[in-house]
Amino acid sequence: MSELHTNTESSSAQDPTQTSTPDFAVATQPSYAHTLFLGPEGLRSGWGFAFYVLTFYLLQKLAVDIASSWDLGSSGLWSMMLEESCNLVAAVIPAVVLARVERRPWKVYGLPGKQAFGRLFWIGVFWGFAGISVLIFALFGAHAFAFGHVALHGARVVRFAAFWAVMFLLVGLFEEYLLRGYTQFTLARGIGFWPAALILSCAFGLIHLGNDHEQWRGLLAAAFIGFFFCLTLRRTGSLWFAVGFHAAWDWGETFFYSVPDSGMVAPGHLLSSSLRGADWLSGGSVGPEGSVLCFVVIAFVWIAFDRTHPGASIRSDREIPPLSTIADSSSQRSSE
C-alpha cells in the first residue's frame, strides 16, 4: 500500500503537466477579422485601395451633383472650376481618413505640405511648359500647326490666363493625387512600385475616354505621360514636380497655344491657332497629344529627367514600417 502511494507521488512529481494550468494561448491570438483586415504594415493594401476607390466614387458623384446644381454663368467655366475643386476634395477626404486608420503621416502619400508650391513644383512647371512648347514647334516645323493671330486683348488676356492657371492647377492636383497619391502608395505595398505604376497609368489613359473627340492615340499618350509622372514620383519622392508639369503642360496646350487638350476645345484661349494635315501627325480633334510626335517628345523628356535625376528618392516598396512601429514612434513624439 505504501509502495503504491510512493509510486503515485513520484509519478506526479515527475509529470508537472498534470497539475499545470491549461494553455490558453489560442485565446490570445488575433481574431479572424483582425487578421483579414490588418497585417504587419497595418491595413492590408487591397482593403485600403478598395475603400479609397469606393469612397472617392461616391464623393465624386456628389461633387458632380453639387457643381451642376449651381448656375454660375452661361459659359460654364466657373461651374467647371467648382466641379474640379469638388473632385479634388473627393480624392483627398478618403486619404485623410485612411491616414488616420493606418497611422501614417500625410506626406507618404506624395504631397508633403512643406514642399507645397516650392522649388520642385516650379521646376515641374518649367519642364511642363518646355515640353508642350517643344511639341508645338515640332508640329509647326512639320507644317501641322499654324499659330494664327492673337484672339484676346487687354485685361481679358490676364483674366483668362489666371483662370486657366488656377483651373489646371486644380486638375494637376486632382489627377496626380487620385492616380499617383494614396492609390500608388497603397497598391505598391501589395504588388510593387512599377506594376502599380503600370496599372494606374493605364487607368489614367482610360479616364480620358469620357472626353469628346478622344481617340486611341490620345489615350495611349495620356498613359505614357502618366507613366512618366510615376518616374518623377520615384526619383523625387514627391508629386509636386508632376503637379507643376501637369498644370503647365495643360495651360500651355489649352490657353497659350490654343489647341485641343485631349479632345477639349476651351473658350478664352489666346490664339486662333489650328492643326492641319493628317491626324496621325497633327493629332486632329484630339490635339497634340494625339500626334505621334507626342510620344517622341515624352520619350525625350523621360530620358532627360532620368539623366538629371538618376537616384530614387522614394523608399523601397518593402521598407514600409510595421503599424506597431509607427504607433510607438507616434506615442513617443506625443510624450515628448
Protein backbone atom coordinates (compact mmCIF):
# COMPACT_ATOMS: atom_id res chain seq x y z
CA MET A 1 0.00 0.00 0.00
CA SER A 2 2.75 2.47 0.97
CA GLU A 3 4.74 1.39 -2.06
CA LEU A 4 1.79 2.20 -4.32
CA HIS A 5 1.40 5.57 -2.61
CA THR A 6 5.10 6.34 -3.06
CA ASN A 7 4.99 5.45 -6.77
CA THR A 8 1.97 7.68 -7.27
CA GLU A 9 3.64 10.65 -5.59
CA SER A 10 6.85 10.20 -7.58
CA SER A 11 4.99 9.98 -10.88
CA SER A 12 3.06 13.14 -10.00
CA ALA A 13 6.29 14.93 -9.19
CA GLN A 14 7.90 13.79 -12.44
CA ASP A 15 4.91 14.88 -14.60
CA PRO A 16 4.20 18.53 -13.72
CA THR A 17 1.84 18.91 -16.65
CA GLN A 18 -0.80 17.02 -14.71
CA THR A 19 -1.10 19.90 -12.22
CA SER A 20 -0.26 22.91 -14.52
CA THR A 21 -2.97 25.26 -15.70
CA PRO A 22 -4.44 24.78 -19.21
CA ASP A 23 -2.74 26.59 -22.10
CA PHE A 24 -4.99 29.44 -23.25
CA ALA A 25 -2.52 30.80 -25.85
CA VAL A 26 -5.05 30.29 -28.62
CA ALA A 27 -7.42 32.70 -26.94
CA THR A 28 -4.79 35.47 -27.12
CA GLN A 29 -4.28 35.16 -30.89
CA PRO A 30 -5.71 37.90 -33.16
CA SER A 31 -9.26 37.36 -34.30
CA TYR A 32 -10.05 36.25 -37.83
CA ALA A 33 -11.41 39.71 -38.65
CA HIS A 34 -8.20 41.33 -37.37
CA THR A 35 -6.07 39.01 -39.49
CA LEU A 36 -8.30 39.53 -42.52
CA PHE A 37 -8.10 43.32 -42.47
CA LEU A 38 -4.75 44.04 -40.79
CA GLY A 39 -1.21 42.85 -41.48
CA PRO A 40 2.28 43.78 -40.22
CA GLU A 41 2.08 47.04 -42.20
CA GLY A 42 -1.35 47.99 -40.90
CA LEU A 43 -4.48 47.89 -43.05
CA ARG A 44 -3.91 45.42 -45.86
CA SER A 45 -3.26 47.16 -49.17
CA GLY A 46 -6.17 45.54 -51.00
CA TRP A 47 -8.73 46.72 -48.46
CA GLY A 48 -7.22 50.20 -48.30
CA PHE A 49 -7.25 50.51 -52.09
CA ALA A 50 -10.84 49.24 -52.35
CA PHE A 51 -12.08 51.56 -49.61
CA TYR A 52 -10.37 54.54 -51.23
CA VAL A 53 -11.77 53.86 -54.71
CA LEU A 54 -15.31 53.22 -53.47
CA THR A 55 -15.37 56.28 -51.22
CA PHE A 56 -13.95 58.50 -53.95
CA TYR A 57 -16.54 57.24 -56.43
CA LEU A 58 -19.42 58.11 -54.09
CA LEU A 59 -17.98 61.50 -53.18
CA GLN A 60 -17.20 62.32 -56.79
CA LYS A 61 -20.81 61.65 -57.83
CA LEU A 62 -21.89 64.02 -55.07
CA ALA A 63 -19.37 66.59 -56.35
CA VAL A 64 -20.83 66.46 -59.85
CA ASP A 65 -24.35 66.90 -58.48
CA ILE A 66 -23.27 69.91 -56.40
CA ALA A 67 -21.49 71.58 -59.33
CA SER A 68 -24.40 71.02 -61.71
CA SER A 69 -26.91 72.43 -59.22
CA TRP A 70 -25.22 75.84 -59.21
CA ASP A 71 -25.81 78.25 -62.06
CA LEU A 72 -22.52 80.14 -62.29
CA GLY A 73 -22.88 81.67 -65.71
CA SER A 74 -23.73 80.71 -69.27
CA SER A 75 -20.13 79.93 -70.23
CA GLY A 76 -19.93 77.08 -67.73
CA LEU A 77 -16.31 77.89 -66.86
CA TRP A 78 -16.94 78.66 -63.19
CA SER A 79 -19.08 75.53 -62.86
CA MET A 80 -16.19 73.58 -64.38
CA MET A 81 -13.80 75.01 -61.79
CA LEU A 82 -16.23 74.24 -58.97
CA GLU A 83 -16.55 70.66 -60.16
CA GLU A 84 -12.78 70.27 -60.35
CA SER A 85 -12.42 71.68 -56.83
CA CYS A 86 -15.02 69.21 -55.55
CA ASN A 87 -13.22 66.38 -57.36
CA LEU A 88 -10.01 67.27 -55.54
CA VAL A 89 -11.80 67.27 -52.19
CA ALA A 90 -13.34 63.89 -53.05
CA ALA A 91 -9.87 62.49 -53.76
CA VAL A 92 -8.37 63.88 -50.55
CA ILE A 93 -11.06 63.02 -47.96
CA PRO A 94 -10.75 59.19 -48.08
CA ALA A 95 -6.95 59.50 -47.96
CA VAL A 96 -7.20 61.66 -44.82
CA VAL A 97 -9.44 59.06 -43.17
CA LEU A 98 -7.17 56.18 -44.17
CA ALA A 99 -4.08 58.05 -42.99
CA ARG A 100 -5.63 58.10 -39.52
CA VAL A 101 -6.60 54.44 -39.74
CA GLU A 102 -3.14 53.41 -40.96
CA ARG A 103 -1.38 55.82 -38.58
CA ARG A 104 0.79 57.18 -41.34
CA PRO A 105 1.82 60.79 -41.95
CA TRP A 106 0.16 62.56 -44.85
CA LYS A 107 3.46 63.17 -46.65
CA VAL A 108 3.98 59.49 -47.52
CA TYR A 109 1.07 59.75 -49.98
CA GLY A 110 3.01 62.11 -52.22
CA LEU A 111 2.10 65.71 -51.32
CA PRO A 112 4.22 66.77 -48.34
CA GLY A 113 2.97 70.12 -47.08
CA LYS A 114 6.47 71.54 -46.59
CA GLN A 115 7.13 71.24 -50.33
CA ALA A 116 3.85 72.85 -51.42
CA PHE A 117 4.48 75.19 -54.36
CA GLY A 118 8.18 75.12 -53.60
CA ARG A 119 11.24 74.65 -55.77
CA LEU A 120 10.23 71.20 -57.01
CA PHE A 121 6.84 72.46 -58.14
CA TRP A 122 8.30 75.35 -60.15
CA ILE A 123 10.90 73.11 -61.75
CA GLY A 124 7.99 70.92 -62.84
CA VAL A 125 6.21 74.00 -64.24
CA PHE A 126 9.29 74.82 -66.32
CA TRP A 127 9.60 71.26 -67.62
CA GLY A 128 5.89 71.05 -68.44
CA PHE A 129 5.75 74.29 -70.41
CA ALA A 130 9.02 73.44 -72.15
CA GLY A 131 7.66 70.00 -73.07
CA ILE A 132 4.46 71.26 -74.69
CA SER A 133 6.43 74.03 -76.42
CA VAL A 134 8.84 71.52 -77.97
CA LEU A 135 5.85 69.51 -79.20
CA ILE A 136 4.09 72.56 -80.67
CA PHE A 137 7.19 73.78 -82.50
CA ALA A 138 7.82 70.27 -83.81
CA LEU A 139 4.29 70.31 -85.24
CA PHE A 140 4.94 73.79 -86.64
CA GLY A 141 8.11 72.57 -88.29
CA ALA A 142 6.20 69.65 -89.81
CA HIS A 143 3.59 72.11 -91.19
CA ALA A 144 0.93 70.52 -88.96
CA PHE A 145 0.29 73.62 -86.82
CA ALA A 146 -0.39 77.30 -87.54
CA PHE A 147 -0.26 79.99 -84.85
CA GLY A 148 -2.96 82.21 -86.36
CA HIS A 149 -3.44 85.58 -84.66
CA VAL A 150 -3.98 86.81 -81.11
CA ALA A 151 -7.64 86.33 -80.17
CA LEU A 152 -7.65 88.08 -76.76
CA HIS A 153 -6.72 91.64 -75.92
CA GLY A 154 -6.28 93.87 -72.91
CA ALA A 155 -7.41 92.73 -69.49
CA ARG A 156 -9.07 89.63 -70.96
CA VAL A 157 -5.62 88.15 -71.58
CA VAL A 158 -4.71 88.43 -67.90
CA ARG A 159 -8.12 87.22 -66.68
CA PHE A 160 -8.20 84.12 -68.84
CA ALA A 161 -4.52 83.36 -68.26
CA ALA A 162 -5.13 83.45 -64.49
CA PHE A 163 -8.36 81.47 -64.74
CA TRP A 164 -6.77 78.64 -66.70
CA ALA A 165 -3.70 78.65 -64.46
CA VAL A 166 -5.88 78.06 -61.39
CA MET A 167 -8.06 75.60 -63.27
CA PHE A 168 -5.18 73.43 -64.42
CA LEU A 169 -3.52 73.62 -61.03
CA LEU A 170 -6.67 72.01 -59.64
CA VAL A 171 -6.63 69.46 -62.47
CA GLY A 172 -2.99 68.64 -61.77
CA LEU A 173 -3.55 68.26 -58.03
CA PHE A 174 -6.68 66.17 -58.51
CA GLU A 175 -5.45 63.78 -61.18
CA GLU A 176 -1.98 63.33 -59.72
CA TYR A 177 -3.26 62.65 -56.23
CA LEU A 178 -6.07 60.39 -57.41
CA LEU A 179 -3.82 58.13 -59.51
CA ARG A 180 -0.36 58.59 -58.04
CA GLY A 181 -1.04 59.56 -54.43
CA TYR A 182 -2.71 57.20 -51.98
CA THR A 183 -3.56 54.68 -54.70
CA GLN A 184 0.04 54.39 -55.94
CA PHE A 185 1.45 54.13 -52.41
CA THR A 186 -1.06 51.51 -51.32
CA LEU A 187 -1.06 49.40 -54.46
CA ALA A 188 2.76 49.43 -54.45
CA ARG A 189 2.70 47.91 -50.96
CA GLY A 190 0.92 44.90 -52.40
CA ILE A 191 2.43 44.35 -55.85
CA GLY A 192 5.47 46.65 -56.08
CA PHE A 193 6.01 50.19 -57.36
CA TRP A 194 6.33 49.66 -61.12
CA PRO A 195 3.49 47.13 -61.53
CA ALA A 196 1.26 49.56 -59.62
CA ALA A 197 2.52 52.43 -61.78
CA LEU A 198 1.70 50.50 -64.95
CA ILE A 199 -1.84 49.67 -63.82
CA LEU A 200 -2.63 53.20 -62.66
CA SER A 201 -1.09 54.78 -65.77
CA CYS A 202 -3.36 52.64 -67.93
CA ALA A 203 -6.27 53.78 -65.77
CA PHE A 204 -5.14 57.38 -66.32
CA GLY A 205 -5.36 56.82 -70.06
CA LEU A 206 -8.79 55.18 -69.85
CA ILE A 207 -10.17 58.07 -67.79
CA HIS A 208 -9.81 60.21 -70.90
CA LEU A 209 -12.38 58.06 -72.69
CA GLY A 210 -15.03 60.40 -71.35
CA ASN A 211 -13.58 63.34 -73.29
CA ASP A 212 -15.23 64.40 -76.53
CA HIS A 213 -13.35 63.61 -79.75
CA GLU A 214 -10.83 61.40 -77.90
CA GLN A 215 -9.08 58.65 -79.89
CA TRP A 216 -6.86 55.71 -79.06
CA ARG A 217 -3.64 57.64 -79.74
CA GLY A 218 -4.68 60.22 -77.16
CA LEU A 219 -5.48 57.51 -74.60
CA LEU A 220 -2.11 55.87 -75.17
CA ALA A 221 -0.30 59.20 -74.93
CA ALA A 222 -2.06 60.00 -71.63
CA ALA A 223 -0.99 56.61 -70.23
CA PHE A 224 2.55 57.22 -71.44
CA ILE A 225 2.64 60.66 -69.76
CA GLY A 226 1.18 59.14 -66.59
CA PHE A 227 3.96 56.55 -66.52
CA PHE A 228 6.48 59.38 -66.82
CA PHE A 229 4.87 61.06 -63.82
CA CYS A 230 5.42 57.83 -61.88
CA LEU A 231 9.12 58.09 -62.71
CA THR A 232 9.19 61.64 -61.32
CA LEU A 233 7.50 60.39 -58.14
CA ARG A 234 10.04 57.59 -57.82
CA ARG A 235 13.01 59.89 -58.32
CA THR A 236 11.87 62.91 -56.28
CA GLY A 237 9.80 61.16 -53.61
CA SER A 238 7.04 63.70 -54.19
CA LEU A 239 4.19 64.53 -56.56
CA TRP A 240 4.91 68.26 -56.60
CA PHE A 241 7.09 68.05 -59.71
CA ALA A 242 4.36 66.10 -61.52
CA VAL A 243 1.67 68.57 -60.39
CA GLY A 244 3.68 71.50 -61.75
CA PHE A 245 4.46 69.69 -65.01
CA HIS A 246 0.85 68.58 -65.47
CA ALA A 247 -0.59 72.04 -64.82
CA ALA A 248 1.91 73.86 -67.05
CA TRP A 249 1.52 71.35 -69.92
CA ASP A 250 -2.27 71.71 -69.88
CA TRP A 251 -2.11 75.51 -69.53
CA GLY A 252 0.29 75.84 -72.42
CA GLU A 253 -1.75 73.48 -74.57
CA THR A 254 -5.19 74.93 -73.83
CA PHE A 255 -4.60 78.63 -73.28
CA PHE A 256 -1.21 79.70 -74.60
CA TYR A 257 -1.01 77.65 -77.80
CA SER A 258 -4.82 77.36 -78.01
CA VAL A 259 -5.12 73.79 -79.29
CA PRO A 260 -7.45 70.95 -78.23
CA ASP A 261 -6.46 69.27 -74.96
CA SER A 262 -7.43 65.59 -75.02
CA GLY A 263 -10.30 66.48 -77.35
CA MET A 264 -11.46 69.51 -75.36
CA VAL A 265 -11.53 72.92 -77.06
CA ALA A 266 -11.82 75.55 -74.33
CA PRO A 267 -13.11 79.11 -74.64
CA GLY A 268 -10.90 82.01 -73.63
CA HIS A 269 -7.76 80.90 -75.45
CA LEU A 270 -5.02 83.28 -76.52
CA LEU A 271 -4.60 82.45 -80.22
CA SER A 272 -6.70 81.48 -83.21
CA SER A 273 -4.31 78.62 -83.91
CA SER A 274 -5.15 75.50 -85.90
CA LEU A 275 -3.92 71.97 -86.54
CA ARG A 276 -3.72 70.76 -90.12
CA GLY A 277 -2.72 67.72 -92.12
CA ALA A 278 -3.04 64.02 -91.32
CA ASP A 279 -4.45 63.21 -87.89
CA TRP A 280 -1.58 60.85 -87.04
CA LEU A 281 0.81 63.81 -87.35
CA SER A 282 -1.25 66.79 -86.14
CA GLY A 283 -3.33 64.92 -83.58
CA GLY A 284 -6.57 66.01 -85.25
CA SER A 285 -9.52 66.57 -82.94
CA VAL A 286 -7.60 65.08 -80.01
CA GLY A 287 -4.96 67.80 -80.12
CA PRO A 288 -1.17 67.47 -79.98
CA GLU A 289 -1.45 64.52 -77.56
CA GLY A 290 -2.91 62.52 -80.44
CA SER A 291 0.17 63.10 -82.59
CA VAL A 292 2.94 60.54 -82.95
CA LEU A 293 5.34 63.37 -82.18
CA CYS A 294 3.93 63.48 -78.66
CA PHE A 295 5.44 60.05 -77.97
CA VAL A 296 8.79 61.25 -79.27
CA VAL A 297 8.71 64.34 -77.03
CA ILE A 298 7.71 62.39 -73.91
CA ALA A 299 10.43 59.83 -74.62
CA PHE A 300 12.92 62.68 -74.86
CA VAL A 301 11.61 64.21 -71.61
CA TRP A 302 11.82 60.79 -69.92
CA ILE A 303 15.48 60.38 -70.94
CA ALA A 304 16.34 63.95 -69.90
CA PHE A 305 14.70 63.52 -66.50
CA ASP A 306 16.38 60.15 -66.00
CA ARG A 307 19.78 61.78 -66.63
CA THR A 308 19.17 64.79 -64.39
CA HIS A 309 17.57 62.78 -61.55
CA PRO A 310 19.47 59.47 -61.51
CA GLY A 311 18.76 58.32 -57.95
CA ALA A 312 15.48 57.09 -56.46
CA SER A 313 14.33 59.20 -53.51
CA ILE A 314 11.14 57.31 -52.69
CA ARG A 315 11.71 54.47 -50.29
CA SER A 316 11.58 50.86 -51.38
CA ASP A 317 8.25 49.07 -51.57
CA ARG A 318 9.35 46.73 -48.81
CA GLU A 319 10.51 49.43 -46.41
CA ILE A 320 7.06 50.42 -45.18
CA PRO A 321 7.32 50.30 -41.36
CA PRO A 322 5.00 47.96 -39.42
CA LEU A 323 1.92 49.50 -37.82
CA SER A 324 3.25 48.82 -34.32
CA THR A 325 6.48 50.70 -35.08
CA ILE A 326 4.59 53.72 -36.38
CA ALA A 327 2.30 53.68 -33.34
CA ASP A 328 5.28 53.52 -30.97
CA SER A 329 7.07 56.41 -32.68
CA SER A 330 3.87 58.47 -32.66
CA SER A 331 3.37 57.89 -28.94
CA GLN A 332 6.99 58.83 -28.25
CA ARG A 333 6.60 62.12 -30.15
CA SER A 334 3.38 62.93 -28.29
CA SER A 335 5.00 62.17 -24.89
CA GLU A 336 7.92 64.45 -25.73
